[in-house]
Structure formats: structure tokens, C-alpha cells
Amino acid sequence: MDVHHFRYDRITFNPEKCFGKACIRGLRMPVSSLLSSLAAGMSEREILQEWPQLEPEDMRQALAYTSEAMAERVV
């Protein structure tokens, strides 16, 4: 069963998919794979052509989720 992130409704978690990693809309597309494609130099348009099941909002939420997850937290 997919569990949605409390803030980003397109980010899901399921221990039976991709080892429970953050994924896009329950697809077997980890957020980390999307980020790796961007880091490798693929454009948003190229990524959307490569994975037609993705939508532009998926990419925005993946970036926002990752940015928040990686933000430095001062205690």
C-alpha cells in the first residue's frame, strides 16, 4: 500500500516498491532516479520524453521534497 507524503501528494512510499524509497505517485520511479537524470544533464523535457508516465508537477514536487529533506536543520 502506497503512503503519501504529508506535504507532497505525488511523493509516495511503499516497502514493497523500490525498497521503500520515495517514489513518484506510486510508480516504480524513485525520486533519486529522477534527480540522477537531472544531475547527469538531462533536461526536464528529455526526462518527460524518456518517462511519459511522469508529469511536470511530479518533477517539481520531487525537487521540493528533496530540497526540504536535505535542508540543514539547526538544533
N, C-alpha and C. Protein backbone atom coordinates (compact mmCIF):
# COMPACT_ATOMS: atom_id res chain seq x y z
N MET A 1 0.84 -1.18 0.00
CA MET A 1 0.00 0.00 0.00
C MET A 1 0.88 1.25 0.00
N ASP A 2 0.58 2.15 -0.91
CA ASP A 2 1.34 3.39 -1.01
C ASP A 2 0.89 4.38 0.06
N VAL A 3 1.87 4.98 0.71
CA VAL A 3 1.62 6.03 1.69
C VAL A 3 2.11 7.34 1.09
N HIS A 4 1.25 8.35 1.09
CA HIS A 4 1.61 9.64 0.53
C HIS A 4 2.31 10.51 1.57
N HIS A 5 3.27 11.28 1.10
CA HIS A 5 3.95 12.24 1.95
C HIS A 5 2.91 13.24 2.45
N PHE A 6 3.05 13.71 3.67
CA PHE A 6 2.05 14.61 4.24
C PHE A 6 1.97 15.95 3.53
N ARG A 7 3.03 16.41 2.89
CA ARG A 7 3.03 17.70 2.23
C ARG A 7 3.02 17.58 0.71
N TYR A 8 3.68 16.57 0.19
CA TYR A 8 3.82 16.39 -1.26
C TYR A 8 3.01 15.18 -1.70
N ASP A 9 1.83 15.42 -2.24
CA ASP A 9 0.90 14.33 -2.54
C ASP A 9 1.35 13.43 -3.69
N ARG A 10 2.36 13.83 -4.43
CA ARG A 10 2.87 12.99 -5.52
C ARG A 10 4.07 12.15 -5.09
N ILE A 11 4.50 12.31 -3.87
CA ILE A 11 5.61 11.52 -3.33
C ILE A 11 5.02 10.42 -2.46
N THR A 12 5.34 9.18 -2.80
CA THR A 12 4.78 8.04 -2.08
C THR A 12 5.87 7.11 -1.58
N PHE A 13 5.51 6.31 -0.60
CA PHE A 13 6.41 5.33 -0.01
C PHE A 13 5.66 4.01 0.08
N ASN A 14 6.34 2.93 -0.26
CA ASN A 14 5.76 1.60 -0.17
C ASN A 14 6.91 0.62 0.02
N PRO A 15 6.96 -0.09 1.15
CA PRO A 15 8.06 -1.01 1.39
C PRO A 15 8.17 -2.12 0.34
N GLU A 16 7.11 -2.35 -0.42
CA GLU A 16 7.13 -3.39 -1.45
C GLU A 16 7.56 -2.87 -2.82
N LYS A 17 7.83 -1.57 -2.91
CA LYS A 17 8.28 -0.97 -4.17
C LYS A 17 9.58 -0.23 -3.93
N CYS A 18 10.57 -0.54 -4.70
CA CYS A 18 11.86 0.18 -4.64
C CYS A 18 12.42 0.25 -3.21
N PHE A 19 12.22 -0.82 -2.46
CA PHE A 19 12.76 -0.92 -1.10
C PHE A 19 12.27 0.19 -0.18
N GLY A 20 11.08 0.71 -0.45
CA GLY A 20 10.51 1.75 0.41
C GLY A 20 11.02 3.14 0.15
N LYS A 21 11.83 3.32 -0.89
CA LYS A 21 12.35 4.65 -1.22
C LYS A 21 11.21 5.57 -1.66
N ALA A 22 11.44 6.86 -1.53
CA ALA A 22 10.47 7.84 -2.01
C ALA A 22 10.31 7.69 -3.51
N CYS A 23 9.08 7.54 -3.96
CA CYS A 23 8.78 7.35 -5.38
C CYS A 23 7.77 8.39 -5.86
N ILE A 24 7.62 8.47 -7.15
CA ILE A 24 6.67 9.38 -7.77
C ILE A 24 5.34 8.67 -7.96
N ARG A 25 4.28 9.17 -7.33
CA ARG A 25 2.90 8.70 -7.49
C ARG A 25 2.72 7.19 -7.49
N GLY A 26 3.46 6.48 -6.68
CA GLY A 26 3.30 5.04 -6.60
C GLY A 26 3.92 4.29 -7.76
N LEU A 27 4.51 5.02 -8.69
CA LEU A 27 5.20 4.37 -9.80
C LEU A 27 6.51 3.80 -9.29
N ARG A 28 7.08 2.92 -10.01
CA ARG A 28 8.40 2.40 -9.64
C ARG A 28 9.48 3.33 -10.18
N MET A 29 9.33 4.59 -9.83
CA MET A 29 10.26 5.64 -10.25
C MET A 29 10.72 6.36 -9.00
N PRO A 30 11.85 5.95 -8.44
CA PRO A 30 12.34 6.63 -7.24
C PRO A 30 12.69 8.09 -7.52
N VAL A 31 12.46 8.92 -6.54
CA VAL A 31 12.84 10.33 -6.64
C VAL A 31 14.34 10.42 -6.94
N SER A 32 15.13 9.54 -6.37
CA SER A 32 16.58 9.57 -6.59
C SER A 32 16.94 9.33 -8.05
N SER A 33 16.18 8.52 -8.76
CA SER A 33 16.45 8.28 -10.19
C SER A 33 16.17 9.54 -11.00
N LEU A 34 15.12 10.23 -10.64
CA LEU A 34 14.79 11.48 -11.32
C LEU A 34 15.90 12.50 -11.09
N LEU A 35 16.37 12.61 -9.86
CA LEU A 35 17.44 13.55 -9.55
C LEU A 35 18.75 13.16 -10.24
N SER A 36 19.03 11.88 -10.33
CA SER A 36 20.23 11.42 -11.03
C SER A 36 20.18 11.81 -12.50
N SER A 37 19.01 11.72 -13.10
CA SER A 37 18.87 12.12 -14.51
C SER A 37 19.11 13.61 -14.68
N LEU A 38 18.59 14.41 -13.77
CA LEU A 38 18.84 15.85 -13.82
C LEU A 38 20.32 16.15 -13.61
N ALA A 39 20.94 15.47 -12.65
CA ALA A 39 22.36 15.69 -12.37
C ALA A 39 23.24 15.27 -13.55
N ALA A 40 22.78 14.30 -14.32
CA ALA A 40 23.54 13.84 -15.49
C ALA A 40 23.40 14.78 -16.67
N GLY A 41 22.53 15.80 -16.51
CA GLY A 41 22.40 16.80 -17.56
C GLY A 41 21.16 16.70 -18.41
N MET A 42 20.28 15.76 -18.10
CA MET A 42 19.03 15.67 -18.87
C MET A 42 18.15 16.87 -18.54
N SER A 43 17.47 17.38 -19.54
CA SER A 43 16.53 18.48 -19.32
C SER A 43 15.18 17.91 -18.86
N GLU A 44 14.35 18.79 -18.34
CA GLU A 44 13.00 18.36 -17.94
C GLU A 44 12.28 17.74 -19.13
N ARG A 45 12.41 18.36 -20.28
CA ARG A 45 11.73 17.85 -21.48
C ARG A 45 12.25 16.46 -21.84
N GLU A 46 13.55 16.24 -21.77
CA GLU A 46 14.12 14.93 -22.09
C GLU A 46 13.64 13.87 -21.11
N ILE A 47 13.56 14.22 -19.85
CA ILE A 47 13.09 13.27 -18.83
C ILE A 47 11.63 12.91 -19.08
N LEU A 48 10.82 13.90 -19.38
CA LEU A 48 9.41 13.63 -19.64
C LEU A 48 9.22 12.80 -20.91
N GLN A 49 10.11 12.94 -21.88
CA GLN A 49 10.05 12.11 -23.08
C GLN A 49 10.49 10.68 -22.77
N GLU A 50 11.50 10.56 -21.93
CA GLU A 50 12.03 9.24 -21.55
C GLU A 50 11.03 8.45 -20.72
N TRP A 51 10.34 9.13 -19.82
CA TRP A 51 9.34 8.50 -18.95
C TRP A 51 8.00 9.21 -19.14
N PRO A 52 7.23 8.82 -20.16
CA PRO A 52 5.97 9.51 -20.48
C PRO A 52 4.92 9.46 -19.37
N GLN A 53 5.08 8.56 -18.41
CA GLN A 53 4.12 8.49 -17.30
C GLN A 53 4.32 9.63 -16.30
N LEU A 54 5.48 10.30 -16.37
CA LEU A 54 5.74 11.44 -15.47
C LEU A 54 5.07 12.70 -16.00
N GLU A 55 4.78 13.59 -15.08
CA GLU A 55 4.17 14.88 -15.40
C GLU A 55 5.06 15.98 -14.82
N PRO A 56 5.01 17.19 -15.39
CA PRO A 56 5.84 18.27 -14.88
C PRO A 56 5.70 18.50 -13.37
N GLU A 57 4.50 18.37 -12.84
CA GLU A 57 4.29 18.57 -11.40
C GLU A 57 5.03 17.51 -10.58
N ASP A 58 5.18 16.30 -11.14
CA ASP A 58 5.96 15.26 -10.45
C ASP A 58 7.39 15.74 -10.22
N MET A 59 7.95 16.36 -11.23
CA MET A 59 9.33 16.83 -11.13
C MET A 59 9.44 17.95 -10.11
N ARG A 60 8.50 18.88 -10.12
CA ARG A 60 8.53 19.98 -9.16
C ARG A 60 8.44 19.47 -7.73
N GLN A 61 7.53 18.54 -7.49
CA GLN A 61 7.39 18.01 -6.14
C GLN A 61 8.60 17.18 -5.72
N ALA A 62 9.19 16.46 -6.65
CA ALA A 62 10.40 15.69 -6.31
C ALA A 62 11.52 16.62 -5.89
N LEU A 63 11.69 17.72 -6.60
CA LEU A 63 12.72 18.69 -6.24
C LEU A 63 12.41 19.37 -4.91
N ALA A 64 11.16 19.74 -4.69
CA ALA A 64 10.78 20.39 -3.44
C ALA A 64 10.96 19.43 -2.26
N TYR A 65 10.54 18.18 -2.44
CA TYR A 65 10.69 17.17 -1.39
C TYR A 65 12.16 16.99 -1.03
N THR A 66 13.00 16.87 -2.04
CA THR A 66 14.42 16.65 -1.81
C THR A 66 15.07 17.87 -1.16
N SER A 67 14.69 19.03 -1.62
CA SER A 67 15.23 20.26 -1.03
C SER A 67 14.90 20.33 0.45
N GLU A 68 13.67 20.03 0.77
CA GLU A 68 13.27 20.06 2.18
C GLU A 68 13.98 18.97 2.98
N ALA A 69 14.12 17.79 2.41
CA ALA A 69 14.77 16.69 3.11
C ALA A 69 16.25 16.97 3.34
N MET A 70 16.87 17.72 2.45
CA MET A 70 18.30 17.99 2.55
C MET A 70 18.63 19.30 3.27
N ALA A 71 17.62 20.06 3.62
CA ALA A 71 17.85 21.35 4.29
C ALA A 71 18.58 21.12 5.61
N GLU A 72 19.53 21.98 5.86
CA GLU A 72 20.25 21.91 7.12
C GLU A 72 19.30 22.26 8.26
N ARG A 73 19.33 21.48 9.26
CA ARG A 73 18.49 21.73 10.42
C ARG A 73 19.39 22.08 11.59
N VAL A 74 19.12 23.22 12.17
CA VAL A 74 19.89 23.68 13.33
C VAL A 74 19.11 23.31 14.58
N VAL A 75 19.78 22.66 15.49
CA VAL A 75 19.13 22.24 16.73
C VAL A 75 19.55 23.15 17.85
